[in-house]
Amino acid sequence: MIATTRDYIVYAWNFIFDHERSPLRNIPDVAIRHYVLQALGLMWAVSFSVAISSYTFLAASLIGHLVLIAATAVTVSTYTVAAKRPILFIRGSGRRTDGEHY
């Protein structure tokens, strides 16, 4: 169980950013795992940029929040698929070994 706030922050950080602890660990190809993490990072950077820059206007603020909510949904969906069906990240990647057929 998580004992302190520090432990909780470390656990949450590792769960999100450590590819060997997050649900992305179920994707067998480390290169694809890295690509997915980079794509999620880019998505979050853009989301926060849009959200922070849009706080000066209400309509833009609403759009920024929608972008953040959508980014959260994409992240949760990606982690869920990585945990339950990691094979989906292999198809069409061109990184198969000899004799592997999916």
C-alpha atoms as a PDB file:
ATOM      1  CA  MET A   1       0.000   0.000   0.000  1.00  0.00           C
ATOM      2  CA  ILE A   2       1.106   3.574  -0.594  1.00  0.00           C
ATOM      3  CA  ALA A   3       2.302   5.026   2.735  1.00  0.00           C
ATOM      4  CA  THR A   4       3.200   8.655   2.044  1.00  0.00           C
ATOM      5  CA  THR A   5       2.514  11.386  -0.466  1.00  0.00           C
ATOM      6  CA  ARG A   6       6.081  11.016  -1.730  1.00  0.00           C
ATOM      7  CA  ASP A   7       5.549   7.289  -2.317  1.00  0.00           C
ATOM      8  CA  TYR A   8       2.328   8.045  -4.177  1.00  0.00           C
ATOM      9  CA  ILE A   9       4.043  10.584  -6.433  1.00  0.00           C
ATOM     10  CA  VAL A  10       6.920   8.179  -7.168  1.00  0.00           C
ATOM     11  CA  TYR A  11       4.449   5.355  -7.876  1.00  0.00           C
ATOM     12  CA  ALA A  12       2.358   7.550 -10.196  1.00  0.00           C
ATOM     13  CA  TRP A  13       5.454   8.840 -12.007  1.00  0.00           C
ATOM     14  CA  ASN A  14       6.797   5.323 -12.563  1.00  0.00           C
ATOM     15  CA  PHE A  15       3.396   4.026 -13.654  1.00  0.00           C
ATOM     16  CA  ILE A  16       3.176   6.684 -16.361  1.00  0.00           C
ATOM     17  CA  PHE A  17       6.785   7.158 -17.474  1.00  0.00           C
ATOM     18  CA  ASP A  18       8.554   3.838 -16.817  1.00  0.00           C
ATOM     19  CA  HIS A  19       7.909   1.604 -19.813  1.00  0.00           C
ATOM     20  CA  GLU A  20       8.689  -1.478 -17.714  1.00  0.00           C
ATOM     21  CA  ARG A  21       6.001  -0.664 -15.108  1.00  0.00           C
ATOM     22  CA  SER A  22       3.213   0.970 -17.137  1.00  0.00           C
ATOM     23  CA  PRO A  23       0.698  -1.060 -19.167  1.00  0.00           C
ATOM     24  CA  LEU A  24       2.962  -0.405 -22.152  1.00  0.00           C
ATOM     25  CA  ARG A  25       5.224  -3.167 -20.747  1.00  0.00           C
ATOM     26  CA  ASN A  26       2.877  -5.637 -22.442  1.00  0.00           C
ATOM     27  CA  ILE A  27       3.959  -4.451 -25.898  1.00  0.00           C
ATOM     28  CA  PRO A  28       6.775  -6.881 -26.741  1.00  0.00           C
ATOM     29  CA  ASP A  29       8.678  -4.599 -29.131  1.00  0.00           C
ATOM     30  CA  VAL A  30      10.610  -1.953 -27.157  1.00  0.00           C
ATOM     31  CA  ALA A  31      10.828   0.328 -30.207  1.00  0.00           C
ATOM     32  CA  ILE A  32       7.034   0.374 -30.606  1.00  0.00           C
ATOM     33  CA  ARG A  33       6.694   0.866 -26.847  1.00  0.00           C
ATOM     34  CA  HIS A  34       9.021   3.869 -27.077  1.00  0.00           C
ATOM     35  CA  TYR A  35       7.135   5.259 -30.084  1.00  0.00           C
ATOM     36  CA  VAL A  36       3.794   5.014 -28.285  1.00  0.00           C
ATOM     37  CA  LEU A  37       5.215   6.760 -25.197  1.00  0.00           C
ATOM     38  CA  GLN A  38       6.693   9.524 -27.385  1.00  0.00           C
ATOM     39  CA  ALA A  39       3.375   9.982 -29.216  1.00  0.00           C
ATOM     40  CA  LEU A  40       1.534  10.253 -25.890  1.00  0.00           C
ATOM     41  CA  GLY A  41       4.128  12.758 -24.644  1.00  0.00           C
ATOM     42  CA  LEU A  42       3.720  14.916 -27.744  1.00  0.00           C
ATOM     43  CA  MET A  43      -0.057  14.762 -27.411  1.00  0.00           C
ATOM     44  CA  TRP A  44       0.143  15.908 -23.757  1.00  0.00           C
ATOM     45  CA  ALA A  45       2.588  18.715 -24.582  1.00  0.00           C
ATOM     46  CA  VAL A  46       0.279  20.045 -27.284  1.00  0.00           C
ATOM     47  CA  SER A  47      -2.754  19.608 -25.024  1.00  0.00           C
ATOM     48  CA  PHE A  48      -1.231  21.626 -22.191  1.00  0.00           C
ATOM     49  CA  SER A  49       0.047  24.274 -24.604  1.00  0.00           C
ATOM     50  CA  VAL A  50      -3.437  24.720 -26.051  1.00  0.00           C
ATOM     51  CA  ALA A  51      -5.042  24.697 -22.597  1.00  0.00           C
ATOM     52  CA  ILE A  52      -2.625  27.184 -20.979  1.00  0.00           C
ATOM     53  CA  SER A  53      -2.615  29.590 -23.897  1.00  0.00           C
ATOM     54  CA  SER A  54      -6.401  29.549 -24.099  1.00  0.00           C
ATOM     55  CA  TYR A  55      -7.175  30.587 -20.516  1.00  0.00           C
ATOM     56  CA  THR A  56      -7.634  34.215 -21.539  1.00  0.00           C
ATOM     57  CA  PHE A  57     -10.958  33.561 -23.272  1.00  0.00           C
ATOM     58  CA  LEU A  58     -13.837  31.430 -22.050  1.00  0.00           C
ATOM     59  CA  ALA A  59     -14.541  29.709 -25.367  1.00  0.00           C
ATOM     60  CA  ALA A  60     -10.879  28.983 -25.896  1.00  0.00           C
ATOM     61  CA  SER A  61     -10.658  27.723 -22.314  1.00  0.00           C
ATOM     62  CA  LEU A  62     -13.474  25.294 -22.962  1.00  0.00           C
ATOM     63  CA  ILE A  63     -11.696  24.037 -26.062  1.00  0.00           C
ATOM     64  CA  GLY A  64      -8.485  23.669 -24.070  1.00  0.00           C
ATOM     65  CA  HIS A  65     -10.253  21.601 -21.444  1.00  0.00           C
ATOM     66  CA  LEU A  66     -11.831  19.436 -24.112  1.00  0.00           C
ATOM     67  CA  VAL A  67      -8.358  18.841 -25.550  1.00  0.00           C
ATOM     68  CA  LEU A  68      -7.087  17.784 -22.103  1.00  0.00           C
ATOM     69  CA  ILE A  69     -10.066  15.475 -21.560  1.00  0.00           C
ATOM     70  CA  ALA A  70      -9.532  13.950 -25.004  1.00  0.00           C
ATOM     71  CA  ALA A  71      -5.825  13.479 -24.239  1.00  0.00           C
ATOM     72  CA  THR A  72      -6.753  11.695 -21.009  1.00  0.00           C
ATOM     73  CA  ALA A  73      -9.161   9.428 -22.885  1.00  0.00           C
ATOM     74  CA  VAL A  74      -6.538   8.578 -25.523  1.00  0.00           C
ATOM     75  CA  THR A  75      -3.949   7.816 -22.825  1.00  0.00           C
ATOM     76  CA  VAL A  76      -6.306   5.565 -20.858  1.00  0.00           C
ATOM     77  CA  SER A  77      -7.382   3.801 -24.054  1.00  0.00           C
ATOM     78  CA  THR A  78      -3.783   3.278 -25.158  1.00  0.00           C
ATOM     79  CA  TYR A  79      -2.761   1.870 -21.771  1.00  0.00           C
ATOM     80  CA  THR A  80      -5.829  -0.389 -21.689  1.00  0.00           C
ATOM     81  CA  VAL A  81      -5.130  -1.776 -25.166  1.00  0.00           C
ATOM     82  CA  ALA A  82      -1.424  -2.216 -24.316  1.00  0.00           C
ATOM     83  CA  ALA A  83      -2.388  -4.225 -21.231  1.00  0.00           C
ATOM     84  CA  LYS A  84      -5.088  -6.362 -22.843  1.00  0.00           C
ATOM     85  CA  ARG A  85      -4.101  -6.674 -26.524  1.00  0.00           C
ATOM     86  CA  PRO A  86      -0.435  -5.711 -27.024  1.00  0.00           C
ATOM     87  CA  ILE A  87      -0.396  -7.590 -30.322  1.00  0.00           C
ATOM     88  CA  LEU A  88      -2.261  -4.658 -31.908  1.00  0.00           C
ATOM     89  CA  PHE A  89       0.914  -2.595 -31.676  1.00  0.00           C
ATOM     90  CA  ILE A  90       2.900  -5.195 -33.646  1.00  0.00           C
ATOM     91  CA  ARG A  91       0.715  -5.558 -36.724  1.00  0.00           C
ATOM     92  CA  GLY A  92       2.155  -3.759 -39.711  1.00  0.00           C
ATOM     93  CA  SER A  93       5.203  -2.488 -37.824  1.00  0.00           C
ATOM     94  CA  GLY A  94       7.551  -4.401 -40.119  1.00  0.00           C
ATOM     95  CA  ARG A  95       9.576  -5.614 -37.132  1.00  0.00           C
ATOM     96  CA  ARG A  96       8.799  -9.305 -37.156  1.00  0.00           C
ATOM     97  CA  THR A  97      11.347 -12.004 -36.586  1.00  0.00           C
ATOM     98  CA  ASP A  98      11.687 -15.055 -38.819  1.00  0.00           C
ATOM     99  CA  GLY A  99       8.771 -17.418 -38.552  1.00  0.00           C
ATOM    100  CA  GLU A 100       6.499 -15.029 -36.641  1.00  0.00           C
ATOM    101  CA  HIS A 101       3.026 -14.694 -38.104  1.00  0.00           C
ATOM    102  CA  TYR A 102       0.197 -12.740 -36.528  1.00  0.00           C
END
